[in-house]
Amino acid sequence: MKKNRNSKIWQIISEVFLLKAEEIGYYIISIGLILAFTLVVFDGFKTLFYIFTYENLTKGAITIIDKFLIALIF
């Protein structure tokens, strides 16, 4: 009886530990995605402000659209 009770306690402790580790992992991943999204959007707006410095306006527009589509993927 005592051995069965100890194994059940360890099972509960390990389940709680794994659930907390999973939650922390999700937080780390979400913070990383938010940072990446912010950097891509910032770079897109920076490209938007400097669009007239490109030789070809079409190339600048495609670059801006590319950056904002990548941000939407995030």
N, C-alpha and C. Protein backbone atom coordinates (compact mmCIF):
# COMPACT_ATOMS: atom_id res chain seq x y z
N MET A 1 0.82 -1.20 0.00
CA MET A 1 0.00 0.00 0.00
C MET A 1 0.86 1.26 0.00
N LYS A 2 1.89 1.26 0.84
CA LYS A 2 2.71 2.45 0.96
C LYS A 2 3.48 2.73 -0.34
N LYS A 3 3.95 1.67 -1.01
CA LYS A 3 4.68 1.84 -2.25
C LYS A 3 3.76 2.41 -3.33
N ASN A 4 2.55 1.96 -3.38
CA ASN A 4 1.58 2.44 -4.35
C ASN A 4 1.25 3.91 -4.11
N ARG A 5 1.15 4.29 -2.84
CA ARG A 5 0.84 5.68 -2.51
C ARG A 5 1.99 6.61 -2.90
N ASN A 6 3.24 6.18 -2.66
CA ASN A 6 4.40 6.99 -3.03
C ASN A 6 4.50 7.17 -4.54
N SER A 7 4.22 6.12 -5.28
CA SER A 7 4.30 6.25 -6.73
C SER A 7 3.20 7.17 -7.25
N LYS A 8 2.05 7.18 -6.63
CA LYS A 8 0.97 8.07 -7.04
C LYS A 8 1.34 9.53 -6.75
N ILE A 9 1.99 9.77 -5.62
CA ILE A 9 2.42 11.13 -5.27
C ILE A 9 3.45 11.62 -6.29
N TRP A 10 4.41 10.75 -6.64
CA TRP A 10 5.43 11.14 -7.63
C TRP A 10 4.81 11.37 -9.01
N GLN A 11 3.79 10.62 -9.33
CA GLN A 11 3.11 10.81 -10.60
C GLN A 11 2.42 12.17 -10.64
N ILE A 12 1.78 12.56 -9.56
CA ILE A 12 1.11 13.86 -9.49
C ILE A 12 2.13 14.99 -9.56
N ILE A 13 3.23 14.84 -8.83
CA ILE A 13 4.28 15.87 -8.84
C ILE A 13 4.86 16.02 -10.24
N SER A 14 5.12 14.92 -10.92
CA SER A 14 5.69 15.01 -12.27
C SER A 14 4.70 15.61 -13.26
N GLU A 15 3.41 15.30 -13.11
CA GLU A 15 2.40 15.90 -13.99
C GLU A 15 2.32 17.41 -13.79
N VAL A 16 2.35 17.85 -12.54
CA VAL A 16 2.31 19.29 -12.25
C VAL A 16 3.55 19.97 -12.81
N PHE A 17 4.71 19.34 -12.62
CA PHE A 17 5.95 19.91 -13.15
C PHE A 17 5.91 20.05 -14.66
N LEU A 18 5.46 19.01 -15.35
CA LEU A 18 5.39 19.06 -16.81
C LEU A 18 4.38 20.09 -17.31
N LEU A 19 3.26 20.24 -16.61
CA LEU A 19 2.28 21.25 -17.00
C LEU A 19 2.84 22.66 -16.83
N LYS A 20 3.56 22.89 -15.75
CA LYS A 20 4.19 24.21 -15.54
C LYS A 20 5.28 24.46 -16.58
N ALA A 21 6.08 23.44 -16.90
CA ALA A 21 7.12 23.60 -17.91
C ALA A 21 6.51 23.90 -19.28
N GLU A 22 5.39 23.25 -19.59
CA GLU A 22 4.70 23.51 -20.85
C GLU A 22 4.18 24.94 -20.90
N GLU A 23 3.62 25.40 -19.80
CA GLU A 23 3.10 26.77 -19.73
C GLU A 23 4.23 27.80 -19.91
N ILE A 24 5.36 27.56 -19.26
CA ILE A 24 6.50 28.46 -19.40
C ILE A 24 7.02 28.45 -20.85
N GLY A 25 7.05 27.28 -21.47
CA GLY A 25 7.46 27.17 -22.86
C GLY A 25 6.56 27.98 -23.78
N TYR A 26 5.25 27.90 -23.55
CA TYR A 26 4.31 28.69 -24.35
C TYR A 26 4.53 30.19 -24.17
N TYR A 27 4.83 30.61 -22.95
CA TYR A 27 5.10 32.03 -22.72
C TYR A 27 6.36 32.48 -23.46
N ILE A 28 7.39 31.66 -23.43
CA ILE A 28 8.64 32.01 -24.11
C ILE A 28 8.43 32.09 -25.62
N ILE A 29 7.69 31.12 -26.17
CA ILE A 29 7.42 31.13 -27.61
C ILE A 29 6.58 32.34 -28.00
N SER A 30 5.57 32.67 -27.20
CA SER A 30 4.72 33.82 -27.54
C SER A 30 5.49 35.13 -27.45
N ILE A 31 6.37 35.26 -26.49
CA ILE A 31 7.19 36.48 -26.39
C ILE A 31 8.12 36.58 -27.61
N GLY A 32 8.69 35.46 -28.01
CA GLY A 32 9.55 35.46 -29.19
C GLY A 32 8.80 35.84 -30.45
N LEU A 33 7.58 35.32 -30.61
CA LEU A 33 6.78 35.66 -31.79
C LEU A 33 6.37 37.13 -31.78
N ILE A 34 6.05 37.67 -30.61
CA ILE A 34 5.68 39.08 -30.53
C ILE A 34 6.88 39.96 -30.88
N LEU A 35 8.05 39.61 -30.38
CA LEU A 35 9.26 40.38 -30.71
C LEU A 35 9.57 40.32 -32.21
N ALA A 36 9.47 39.13 -32.79
CA ALA A 36 9.74 38.99 -34.22
C ALA A 36 8.73 39.79 -35.04
N PHE A 37 7.46 39.73 -34.66
CA PHE A 37 6.42 40.49 -35.36
C PHE A 37 6.71 41.98 -35.28
N THR A 38 7.08 42.45 -34.10
CA THR A 38 7.37 43.87 -33.91
C THR A 38 8.55 44.31 -34.77
N LEU A 39 9.60 43.50 -34.80
CA LEU A 39 10.77 43.86 -35.61
C LEU A 39 10.44 43.89 -37.10
N VAL A 40 9.65 42.95 -37.57
CA VAL A 40 9.31 42.91 -39.00
C VAL A 40 8.42 44.10 -39.36
N VAL A 41 7.45 44.42 -38.51
CA VAL A 41 6.58 45.57 -38.78
C VAL A 41 7.38 46.87 -38.75
N PHE A 42 8.27 47.01 -37.78
CA PHE A 42 9.11 48.21 -37.70
C PHE A 42 9.96 48.34 -38.96
N ASP A 43 10.54 47.24 -39.41
CA ASP A 43 11.35 47.27 -40.62
C ASP A 43 10.49 47.60 -41.84
N GLY A 44 9.26 47.12 -41.86
CA GLY A 44 8.36 47.45 -42.96
C GLY A 44 8.03 48.93 -43.00
N PHE A 45 7.76 49.53 -41.84
CA PHE A 45 7.48 50.97 -41.81
C PHE A 45 8.72 51.79 -42.16
N LYS A 46 9.89 51.31 -41.74
CA LYS A 46 11.12 51.99 -42.11
C LYS A 46 11.32 51.96 -43.63
N THR A 47 11.03 50.82 -44.23
CA THR A 47 11.11 50.71 -45.69
C THR A 47 10.07 51.60 -46.35
N LEU A 48 8.90 51.71 -45.75
CA LEU A 48 7.84 52.56 -46.30
C LEU A 48 8.27 54.02 -46.32
N PHE A 49 8.96 54.47 -45.28
CA PHE A 49 9.40 55.86 -45.22
C PHE A 49 10.53 56.15 -46.22
N TYR A 50 11.32 55.11 -46.55
CA TYR A 50 12.43 55.30 -47.48
C TYR A 50 12.14 54.72 -48.86
N ILE A 51 10.87 54.60 -49.23
CA ILE A 51 10.51 53.97 -50.50
C ILE A 51 11.02 54.76 -51.70
N PHE A 52 11.11 56.05 -51.57
CA PHE A 52 11.52 56.87 -52.71
C PHE A 52 13.03 56.86 -52.93
N THR A 53 13.77 56.23 -52.03
CA THR A 53 15.21 56.12 -52.23
C THR A 53 15.59 54.95 -53.14
N TYR A 54 14.62 54.06 -53.40
CA TYR A 54 14.88 52.94 -54.31
C TYR A 54 14.95 53.44 -55.75
N GLU A 55 15.76 52.76 -56.57
CA GLU A 55 15.84 53.10 -57.99
C GLU A 55 14.50 52.88 -58.67
N ASN A 56 13.89 51.78 -58.32
CA ASN A 56 12.64 51.38 -58.94
C ASN A 56 11.56 51.39 -57.87
N LEU A 57 10.50 52.14 -58.07
CA LEU A 57 9.42 52.24 -57.08
C LEU A 57 8.72 50.89 -56.91
N THR A 58 8.65 50.12 -57.98
CA THR A 58 8.02 48.80 -57.91
C THR A 58 8.78 47.88 -56.97
N LYS A 59 10.10 47.93 -57.04
CA LYS A 59 10.92 47.09 -56.15
C LYS A 59 10.68 47.48 -54.68
N GLY A 60 10.58 48.76 -54.40
CA GLY A 60 10.30 49.21 -53.05
C GLY A 60 8.94 48.77 -52.56
N ALA A 61 7.94 48.84 -53.44
CA ALA A 61 6.59 48.42 -53.06
C ALA A 61 6.53 46.91 -52.78
N ILE A 62 7.23 46.15 -53.60
CA ILE A 62 7.27 44.70 -53.39
C ILE A 62 7.97 44.37 -52.08
N THR A 63 9.02 45.10 -51.75
CA THR A 63 9.73 44.89 -50.49
C THR A 63 8.82 45.17 -49.30
N ILE A 64 8.04 46.25 -49.38
CA ILE A 64 7.12 46.60 -48.29
C ILE A 64 6.04 45.53 -48.13
N ILE A 65 5.46 45.13 -49.25
CA ILE A 65 4.42 44.10 -49.19
C ILE A 65 4.99 42.80 -48.63
N ASP A 66 6.20 42.46 -49.02
CA ASP A 66 6.85 41.26 -48.52
C ASP A 66 7.00 41.30 -47.00
N LYS A 67 7.44 42.43 -46.49
CA LYS A 67 7.65 42.54 -45.04
C LYS A 67 6.33 42.46 -44.27
N PHE A 68 5.29 43.09 -44.78
CA PHE A 68 4.00 43.03 -44.08
C PHE A 68 3.34 41.66 -44.19
N LEU A 69 3.57 40.95 -45.28
CA LEU A 69 3.05 39.59 -45.38
C LEU A 69 3.78 38.65 -44.43
N ILE A 70 5.07 38.86 -44.26
CA ILE A 70 5.81 38.06 -43.27
C ILE A 70 5.27 38.36 -41.87
N ALA A 71 4.95 39.62 -41.58
CA ALA A 71 4.39 39.96 -40.27
C ALA A 71 3.04 39.29 -40.07
N LEU A 72 2.24 39.19 -41.12
CA LEU A 72 0.95 38.51 -41.00
C LEU A 72 1.12 37.02 -40.75
N ILE A 73 2.18 36.44 -41.30
CA ILE A 73 2.44 35.02 -41.04
C ILE A 73 2.75 34.81 -39.55
N PHE A 74 3.47 35.74 -38.95
CA PHE A 74 3.73 35.63 -37.52
C PHE A 74 2.45 35.71 -36.76
